[in-house]
C-alpha atoms as a PDB file:
ATOM      1  CA  MET A   1      99.668 -61.696  99.711  1.00  0.00           C
ATOM      2  CA  ASP A   2     101.825 -58.592  99.960  1.00  0.00           C
ATOM      3  CA  ALA A   3     105.098 -58.198  98.055  1.00  0.00           C
ATOM      4  CA  MET A   4     107.404 -58.564 101.076  1.00  0.00           C
ATOM      5  CA  ARG A   5     105.787 -61.802 102.197  1.00  0.00           C
ATOM      6  CA  ARG A   6     105.910 -63.185  98.641  1.00  0.00           C
ATOM      7  CA  LEU A   7     109.618 -62.350  98.307  1.00  0.00           C
ATOM      8  CA  LYS A   8     110.456 -63.910 101.683  1.00  0.00           C
ATOM      9  CA  LEU A   9     108.654 -67.131 100.730  1.00  0.00           C
ATOM     10  CA  GLN A  10     110.400 -67.244  97.336  1.00  0.00           C
ATOM     11  CA  ALA A  11     113.804 -66.680  98.974  1.00  0.00           C
ATOM     12  CA  LYS A  12     113.078 -69.386 101.565  1.00  0.00           C
ATOM     13  CA  ASP A  13     112.037 -71.862  98.857  1.00  0.00           C
ATOM     14  CA  SER A  14     115.148 -71.086  96.809  1.00  0.00           C
ATOM     15  CA  ALA A  15     117.375 -71.429  99.874  1.00  0.00           C
ATOM     16  CA  GLU A  16     115.876 -74.784 100.859  1.00  0.00           C
ATOM     17  CA  PHE A  17     116.252 -76.035  97.276  1.00  0.00           C
ATOM     18  CA  ARG A  18     119.974 -75.225  97.530  1.00  0.00           C
ATOM     19  CA  GLY A  19     120.339 -76.946 100.925  1.00  0.00           C
ATOM     20  CA  HIS A  20     120.245 -73.904 103.233  1.00  0.00           C
ATOM     21  CA  THR A  21     118.314 -73.455 106.476  1.00  0.00           C
ATOM     22  CA  LEU A  22     117.308 -69.814 106.890  1.00  0.00           C
ATOM     23  CA  SER A  23     116.991 -67.843 110.091  1.00  0.00           C
ATOM     24  CA  LYS A  24     113.981 -65.595 110.536  1.00  0.00           C
ATOM     25  CA  PHE A  25     114.048 -62.502 108.349  1.00  0.00           C
ATOM     26  CA  LEU A  26     115.159 -59.286 110.031  1.00  0.00           C
ATOM     27  CA  THR A  27     113.339 -56.213 108.718  1.00  0.00           C
ATOM     28  CA  VAL A  28     115.832 -53.555 107.646  1.00  0.00           C
ATOM     29  CA  ASP A  29     113.277 -50.979 106.537  1.00  0.00           C
ATOM     30  CA  VAL A  30     109.813 -50.876 105.024  1.00  0.00           C
ATOM     31  CA  HIS A  31     111.144 -52.213 101.694  1.00  0.00           C
ATOM     32  CA  SER A  32     113.848 -54.717 102.670  1.00  0.00           C
ATOM     33  CA  ALA A  33     114.717 -57.618 104.943  1.00  0.00           C
ATOM     34  CA  ILE A  34     117.677 -59.970 105.431  1.00  0.00           C
ATOM     35  CA  ALA A  35     118.241 -63.512 106.680  1.00  0.00           C
ATOM     36  CA  GLU A  36     121.191 -65.864 106.955  1.00  0.00           C
ATOM     37  CA  CYS A  37     121.741 -69.588 106.678  1.00  0.00           C
ATOM     38  CA  LEU A  38     122.009 -71.166 110.110  1.00  0.00           C
ATOM     39  CA  ASN A  39     124.610 -73.665 108.836  1.00  0.00           C
ATOM     40  CA  CYS A  40     127.014 -71.624 106.686  1.00  0.00           C
ATOM     41  CA  GLN A  41     126.162 -67.968 107.516  1.00  0.00           C
ATOM     42  CA  LYS A  42     125.566 -67.018 103.867  1.00  0.00           C
ATOM     43  CA  MET A  43     123.108 -64.149 103.496  1.00  0.00           C
ATOM     44  CA  VAL A  44     120.014 -63.289 101.494  1.00  0.00           C
ATOM     45  CA  ALA A  45     118.333 -59.910 101.147  1.00  0.00           C
ATOM     46  CA  VAL A  46     114.934 -59.116  99.669  1.00  0.00           C
ATOM     47  CA  ASP A  47     113.892 -55.690  98.423  1.00  0.00           C
ATOM     48  CA  THR A  48     110.373 -54.766  97.347  1.00  0.00           C
ATOM     49  CA  ASN A  49     111.609 -51.513  95.804  1.00  0.00           C
ATOM     50  CA  PRO A  50     114.882 -52.282  93.998  1.00  0.00           C
ATOM     51  CA  PRO A  51     116.628 -49.653  91.870  1.00  0.00           C
ATOM     52  CA  PRO A  52     116.200 -49.766  88.077  1.00  0.00           C
ATOM     53  CA  ASN A  53     117.707 -53.011  86.769  1.00  0.00           C
ATOM     54  CA  GLY A  54     118.033 -54.189  90.396  1.00  0.00           C
ATOM     55  CA  ILE A  55     116.869 -57.551  91.690  1.00  0.00           C
ATOM     56  CA  GLU A  56     114.339 -58.336  94.379  1.00  0.00           C
ATOM     57  CA  ALA A  57     116.146 -61.274  96.033  1.00  0.00           C
ATOM     58  CA  MET A  58     119.934 -61.330  96.205  1.00  0.00           C
ATOM     59  CA  GLY A  59     122.724 -63.075  98.039  1.00  0.00           C
ATOM     60  CA  ASP A  60     124.736 -66.264  98.194  1.00  0.00           C
ATOM     61  CA  VAL A  61     121.844 -68.204  99.744  1.00  0.00           C
ATOM     62  CA  VAL A  62     119.725 -67.905  96.596  1.00  0.00           C
ATOM     63  CA  ALA A  63     122.713 -68.385  94.256  1.00  0.00           C
ATOM     64  CA  LEU A  64     124.981 -71.046  95.783  1.00  0.00           C
ATOM     65  CA  GLY A  65     124.605 -74.466  97.360  1.00  0.00           C
ATOM     66  CA  GLY A  66     124.731 -74.998 101.091  1.00  0.00           C
ATOM     67  CA  VAL A  67     127.152 -76.932 103.267  1.00  0.00           C
ATOM     68  CA  ALA A  68     126.961 -80.666 102.635  1.00  0.00           C
END
């Protein structure tokens, strides 16, 4: 499995655990993609080539709970 696919699956799993329903990922460039929660419009971004000390999956979707 390639890095981008792995990161998207991890972000989706994390989002679902927090009660979010993700849209399909939109490819930004060869190293990154974004998606949003269909219920609360919070975002997630994944980056296969983050800067030093950067993170691969970031955004409110993977950090905060969804709409109840």
